[in-house]
Amino acid sequence: MLDLFNHVVVGWSMHHRQDRKMVLRAVEMAVWQCPEATQAILHSARGTQFTSGDYQRY
């Protein structure tokens, strides 16, 4: 995940499968890296890992 304001990588996750858990770990890391941010816009692809119920609830 890239912070578009200052172009710093704030979240990432690696796994042999790109599944919803891997995506959520990257989002969680980005939230942890930017605790002062009260709002964010998250742009993602339209793959199944991004349209999963777990991702949508988070």
PDB file of N, CA and C in Angstrom:
ATOM      1  N   MET A   1       0.833  -1.146   0.000  1.00  0.00           N
ATOM      2  CA  MET A   1       0.000   0.000   0.000  1.00  0.00           C
ATOM      3  C   MET A   1       0.893   1.229   0.000  1.00  0.00           C
ATOM      4  N   LEU A   2       0.509   2.189  -0.798  1.00  0.00           N
ATOM      5  CA  LEU A   2       1.298   3.394  -0.988  1.00  0.00           C
ATOM      6  C   LEU A   2       0.522   4.602  -0.500  1.00  0.00           C
ATOM      7  N   ASP A   3       1.171   5.406   0.323  1.00  0.00           N
ATOM      8  CA  ASP A   3       0.599   6.674   0.757  1.00  0.00           C
ATOM      9  C   ASP A   3       0.807   7.659  -0.387  1.00  0.00           C
ATOM     10  N   LEU A   4      -0.267   8.092  -1.013  1.00  0.00           N
ATOM     11  CA  LEU A   4      -0.143   8.951  -2.183  1.00  0.00           C
ATOM     12  C   LEU A   4       0.237  10.385  -1.837  1.00  0.00           C
ATOM     13  N   PHE A   5       0.137  10.769  -0.572  1.00  0.00           N
ATOM     14  CA  PHE A   5       0.548  12.114  -0.182  1.00  0.00           C
ATOM     15  C   PHE A   5       2.062  12.252  -0.242  1.00  0.00           C
ATOM     16  N   ASN A   6       2.764  11.301   0.370  1.00  0.00           N
ATOM     17  CA  ASN A   6       4.226  11.413   0.406  1.00  0.00           C
ATOM     18  C   ASN A   6       4.938  10.255  -0.292  1.00  0.00           C
ATOM     19  N   HIS A   7       4.205   9.396  -0.956  1.00  0.00           N
ATOM     20  CA  HIS A   7       4.755   8.293  -1.761  1.00  0.00           C
ATOM     21  C   HIS A   7       5.628   7.334  -0.956  1.00  0.00           C
ATOM     22  N   VAL A   8       5.186   7.028   0.248  1.00  0.00           N
ATOM     23  CA  VAL A   8       5.881   6.076   1.114  1.00  0.00           C
ATOM     24  C   VAL A   8       5.053   4.797   1.180  1.00  0.00           C
ATOM     25  N   VAL A   9       5.722   3.659   1.095  1.00  0.00           N
ATOM     26  CA  VAL A   9       5.035   2.375   1.253  1.00  0.00           C
ATOM     27  C   VAL A   9       4.675   2.220   2.724  1.00  0.00           C
ATOM     28  N   VAL A  10       3.395   2.023   3.018  1.00  0.00           N
ATOM     29  CA  VAL A  10       2.951   1.937   4.408  1.00  0.00           C
ATOM     30  C   VAL A  10       2.399   0.562   4.763  1.00  0.00           C
ATOM     31  N   GLY A  11       2.136  -0.276   3.782  1.00  0.00           N
ATOM     32  CA  GLY A  11       1.625  -1.607   4.081  1.00  0.00           C
ATOM     33  C   GLY A  11       1.962  -2.587   2.980  1.00  0.00           C
ATOM     34  N   TRP A  12       2.307  -3.799   3.382  1.00  0.00           N
ATOM     35  CA  TRP A  12       2.581  -4.851   2.412  1.00  0.00           C
ATOM     36  C   TRP A  12       2.391  -6.188   3.083  1.00  0.00           C
ATOM     37  N   SER A  13       2.244  -7.191   2.266  1.00  0.00           N
ATOM     38  CA  SER A  13       2.125  -8.554   2.760  1.00  0.00           C
ATOM     39  C   SER A  13       2.541  -9.492   1.642  1.00  0.00           C
ATOM     40  N   MET A  14       3.196 -10.567   2.008  1.00  0.00           N
ATOM     41  CA  MET A  14       3.636 -11.544   1.008  1.00  0.00           C
ATOM     42  C   MET A  14       3.121 -12.921   1.387  1.00  0.00           C
ATOM     43  N   HIS A  15       2.728 -13.667   0.382  1.00  0.00           N
ATOM     44  CA  HIS A  15       2.235 -15.029   0.576  1.00  0.00           C
ATOM     45  C   HIS A  15       2.256 -15.714  -0.775  1.00  0.00           C
ATOM     46  N   HIS A  16       2.261 -17.016  -0.795  1.00  0.00           N
ATOM     47  CA  HIS A  16       2.286 -17.716  -2.084  1.00  0.00           C
ATOM     48  C   HIS A  16       0.944 -17.628  -2.815  1.00  0.00           C
ATOM     49  N   ARG A  17      -0.115 -17.223  -2.098  1.00  0.00           N
ATOM     50  CA  ARG A  17      -1.424 -16.988  -2.711  1.00  0.00           C
ATOM     51  C   ARG A  17      -1.883 -15.573  -2.385  1.00  0.00           C
ATOM     52  N   GLN A  18      -2.451 -14.907  -3.373  1.00  0.00           N
ATOM     53  CA  GLN A  18      -3.010 -13.582  -3.112  1.00  0.00           C
ATOM     54  C   GLN A  18      -4.469 -13.769  -2.724  1.00  0.00           C
ATOM     55  N   ASP A  19      -4.695 -13.954  -1.426  1.00  0.00           N
ATOM     56  CA  ASP A  19      -6.050 -14.177  -0.941  1.00  0.00           C
ATOM     57  C   ASP A  19      -6.483 -13.038  -0.034  1.00  0.00           C
ATOM     58  N   ARG A  20      -7.693 -13.115   0.485  1.00  0.00           N
ATOM     59  CA  ARG A  20      -8.228 -12.011   1.295  1.00  0.00           C
ATOM     60  C   ARG A  20      -7.430 -11.800   2.576  1.00  0.00           C
ATOM     61  N   LYS A  21      -6.874 -12.852   3.144  1.00  0.00           N
ATOM     62  CA  LYS A  21      -6.084 -12.706   4.374  1.00  0.00           C
ATOM     63  C   LYS A  21      -4.807 -11.914   4.109  1.00  0.00           C
ATOM     64  N   MET A  22      -4.172 -12.164   2.979  1.00  0.00           N
ATOM     65  CA  MET A  22      -2.964 -11.437   2.631  1.00  0.00           C
ATOM     66  C   MET A  22      -3.283  -9.952   2.433  1.00  0.00           C
ATOM     67  N   VAL A  23      -4.374  -9.668   1.753  1.00  0.00           N
ATOM     68  CA  VAL A  23      -4.781  -8.286   1.508  1.00  0.00           C
ATOM     69  C   VAL A  23      -5.110  -7.588   2.825  1.00  0.00           C
ATOM     70  N   LEU A  24      -5.832  -8.266   3.710  1.00  0.00           N
ATOM     71  CA  LEU A  24      -6.179  -7.661   5.000  1.00  0.00           C
ATOM     72  C   LEU A  24      -4.940  -7.388   5.849  1.00  0.00           C
ATOM     73  N   ARG A  25      -3.942  -8.255   5.779  1.00  0.00           N
ATOM     74  CA  ARG A  25      -2.705  -8.017   6.528  1.00  0.00           C
ATOM     75  C   ARG A  25      -2.009  -6.742   6.033  1.00  0.00           C
ATOM     76  N   ALA A  26      -2.028  -6.514   4.727  1.00  0.00           N
ATOM     77  CA  ALA A  26      -1.417  -5.297   4.182  1.00  0.00           C
ATOM     78  C   ALA A  26      -2.186  -4.060   4.634  1.00  0.00           C
ATOM     79  N   VAL A  27      -3.508  -4.131   4.632  1.00  0.00           N
ATOM     80  CA  VAL A  27      -4.324  -3.003   5.086  1.00  0.00           C
ATOM     81  C   VAL A  27      -4.086  -2.748   6.571  1.00  0.00           C
ATOM     82  N   GLU A  28      -4.044  -3.798   7.369  1.00  0.00           N
ATOM     83  CA  GLU A  28      -3.811  -3.645   8.806  1.00  0.00           C
ATOM     84  C   GLU A  28      -2.446  -3.008   9.075  1.00  0.00           C
ATOM     85  N   MET A  29      -1.441  -3.388   8.300  1.00  0.00           N
ATOM     86  CA  MET A  29      -0.120  -2.796   8.475  1.00  0.00           C
ATOM     87  C   MET A  29      -0.162  -1.308   8.138  1.00  0.00           C
ATOM     88  N   ALA A  30      -0.861  -0.941   7.082  1.00  0.00           N
ATOM     89  CA  ALA A  30      -0.967   0.469   6.705  1.00  0.00           C
ATOM     90  C   ALA A  30      -1.653   1.275   7.805  1.00  0.00           C
ATOM     91  N   VAL A  31      -2.699   0.711   8.405  1.00  0.00           N
ATOM     92  CA  VAL A  31      -3.390   1.388   9.505  1.00  0.00           C
ATOM     93  C   VAL A  31      -2.444   1.541  10.693  1.00  0.00           C
ATOM     94  N   TRP A  32      -1.676   0.512  10.987  1.00  0.00           N
ATOM     95  CA  TRP A  32      -0.726   0.553  12.095  1.00  0.00           C
ATOM     96  C   TRP A  32       0.381   1.580  11.840  1.00  0.00           C
ATOM     97  N   GLN A  33       0.822   1.689  10.590  1.00  0.00           N
ATOM     98  CA  GLN A  33       1.909   2.611  10.245  1.00  0.00           C
ATOM     99  C   GLN A  33       1.463   4.075  10.296  1.00  0.00           C
ATOM    100  N   CYS A  34       0.173   4.326  10.168  1.00  0.00           N
ATOM    101  CA  CYS A  34      -0.335   5.705  10.096  1.00  0.00           C
ATOM    102  C   CYS A  34      -1.399   5.935  11.164  1.00  0.00           C
ATOM    103  N   PRO A  35      -1.050   5.862  12.445  1.00  0.00           N
ATOM    104  CA  PRO A  35      -2.064   5.979  13.495  1.00  0.00           C
ATOM    105  C   PRO A  35      -2.696   7.369  13.580  1.00  0.00           C
ATOM    106  N   GLU A  36      -2.016   8.395  13.072  1.00  0.00           N
ATOM    107  CA  GLU A  36      -2.565   9.743  13.134  1.00  0.00           C
ATOM    108  C   GLU A  36      -3.636   9.997  12.068  1.00  0.00           C
ATOM    109  N   ALA A  37      -3.709   9.135  11.079  1.00  0.00           N
ATOM    110  CA  ALA A  37      -4.708   9.306  10.015  1.00  0.00           C
ATOM    111  C   ALA A  37      -6.091   8.920  10.544  1.00  0.00           C
ATOM    112  N   THR A  38      -7.019   9.846  10.442  1.00  0.00           N
ATOM    113  CA  THR A  38      -8.380   9.565  10.910  1.00  0.00           C
ATOM    114  C   THR A  38      -9.275   9.112   9.773  1.00  0.00           C
ATOM    115  N   GLN A  39      -8.893   9.425   8.546  1.00  0.00           N
ATOM    116  CA  GLN A  39      -9.654   9.002   7.377  1.00  0.00           C
ATOM    117  C   GLN A  39      -8.686   8.602   6.279  1.00  0.00           C
ATOM    118  N   ALA A  40      -9.138   7.703   5.438  1.00  0.00           N
ATOM    119  CA  ALA A  40      -8.308   7.278   4.318  1.00  0.00           C
ATOM    120  C   ALA A  40      -9.209   6.867   3.164  1.00  0.00           C
ATOM    121  N   ILE A  41      -8.691   7.005   1.974  1.00  0.00           N
ATOM    122  CA  ILE A  41      -9.364   6.499   0.782  1.00  0.00           C
ATOM    123  C   ILE A  41      -8.524   5.332   0.305  1.00  0.00           C
ATOM    124  N   LEU A  42      -9.150   4.211   0.155  1.00  0.00           N
ATOM    125  CA  LEU A  42      -8.446   3.000  -0.253  1.00  0.00           C
ATOM    126  C   LEU A  42      -8.929   2.601  -1.636  1.00  0.00           C
ATOM    127  N   HIS A  43      -8.022   2.648  -2.586  1.00  0.00           N
ATOM    128  CA  HIS A  43      -8.346   2.231  -3.951  1.00  0.00           C
ATOM    129  C   HIS A  43      -7.775   0.834  -4.152  1.00  0.00           C
ATOM    130  N   SER A  44      -8.580  -0.087  -4.640  1.00  0.00           N
ATOM    131  CA  SER A  44      -8.121  -1.457  -4.818  1.00  0.00           C
ATOM    132  C   SER A  44      -8.607  -2.003  -6.150  1.00  0.00           C
ATOM    133  N   ALA A  45      -8.080  -3.138  -6.492  1.00  0.00           N
ATOM    134  CA  ALA A  45      -8.517  -3.845  -7.688  1.00  0.00           C
ATOM    135  C   ALA A  45      -9.915  -4.425  -7.437  1.00  0.00           C
ATOM    136  N   ARG A  46     -10.474  -5.066  -8.429  1.00  0.00           N
ATOM    137  CA  ARG A  46     -11.811  -5.637  -8.265  1.00  0.00           C
ATOM    138  C   ARG A  46     -11.761  -7.161  -8.184  1.00  0.00           C
ATOM    139  N   GLY A  47     -10.646  -7.702  -7.728  1.00  0.00           N
ATOM    140  CA  GLY A  47     -10.510  -9.142  -7.579  1.00  0.00           C
ATOM    141  C   GLY A  47     -11.341  -9.676  -6.430  1.00  0.00           C
ATOM    142  N   THR A  48     -11.486 -10.987  -6.374  1.00  0.00           N
ATOM    143  CA  THR A  48     -12.336 -11.595  -5.353  1.00  0.00           C
ATOM    144  C   THR A  48     -11.847 -11.324  -3.940  1.00  0.00           C
ATOM    145  N   GLN A  49     -10.529 -11.188  -3.732  1.00  0.00           N
ATOM    146  CA  GLN A  49     -10.030 -10.910  -2.392  1.00  0.00           C
ATOM    147  C   GLN A  49     -10.472  -9.529  -1.913  1.00  0.00           C
ATOM    148  N   PHE A  50     -10.708  -8.604  -2.820  1.00  0.00           N
ATOM    149  CA  PHE A  50     -11.149  -7.260  -2.450  1.00  0.00           C
ATOM    150  C   PHE A  50     -12.664  -7.154  -2.331  1.00  0.00           C
ATOM    151  N   THR A  51     -13.377  -8.082  -2.915  1.00  0.00           N
ATOM    152  CA  THR A  51     -14.841  -8.055  -2.833  1.00  0.00           C
ATOM    153  C   THR A  51     -15.368  -9.029  -1.794  1.00  0.00           C
ATOM    154  N   SER A  52     -14.477  -9.692  -1.074  1.00  0.00           N
ATOM    155  CA  SER A  52     -14.897 -10.652  -0.048  1.00  0.00           C
ATOM    156  C   SER A  52     -15.605  -9.931   1.096  1.00  0.00           C
ATOM    157  N   GLY A  53     -16.452 -10.637   1.788  1.00  0.00           N
ATOM    158  CA  GLY A  53     -17.159 -10.072   2.931  1.00  0.00           C
ATOM    159  C   GLY A  53     -16.228  -9.596   4.022  1.00  0.00           C
ATOM    160  N   ASP A  54     -15.147 -10.359   4.284  1.00  0.00           N
ATOM    161  CA  ASP A  54     -14.169  -9.982   5.311  1.00  0.00           C
ATOM    162  C   ASP A  54     -13.539  -8.622   4.984  1.00  0.00           C
ATOM    163  N   TYR A  55     -13.145  -8.435   3.748  1.00  0.00           N
ATOM    164  CA  TYR A  55     -12.519  -7.188   3.333  1.00  0.00           C
ATOM    165  C   TYR A  55     -13.513  -6.024   3.410  1.00  0.00           C
ATOM    166  N   GLN A  56     -14.718  -6.245   2.940  1.00  0.00           N
ATOM    167  CA  GLN A  56     -15.741  -5.205   2.950  1.00  0.00           C
ATOM    168  C   GLN A  56     -16.097  -4.780   4.379  1.00  0.00           C
ATOM    169  N   ARG A  57     -16.163  -5.738   5.302  1.00  0.00           N
ATOM    170  CA  ARG A  57     -16.461  -5.406   6.699  1.00  0.00           C
ATOM    171  C   ARG A  57     -15.322  -4.609   7.340  1.00  0.00           C
ATOM    172  N   TYR A  58     -14.084  -4.965   6.995  1.00  0.00           N
ATOM    173  CA  TYR A  58     -12.954  -4.263   7.585  1.00  0.00           C
ATOM    174  C   TYR A  58     -12.938  -2.818   7.136  1.00  0.00           C
TER     175      TYR A  58
END
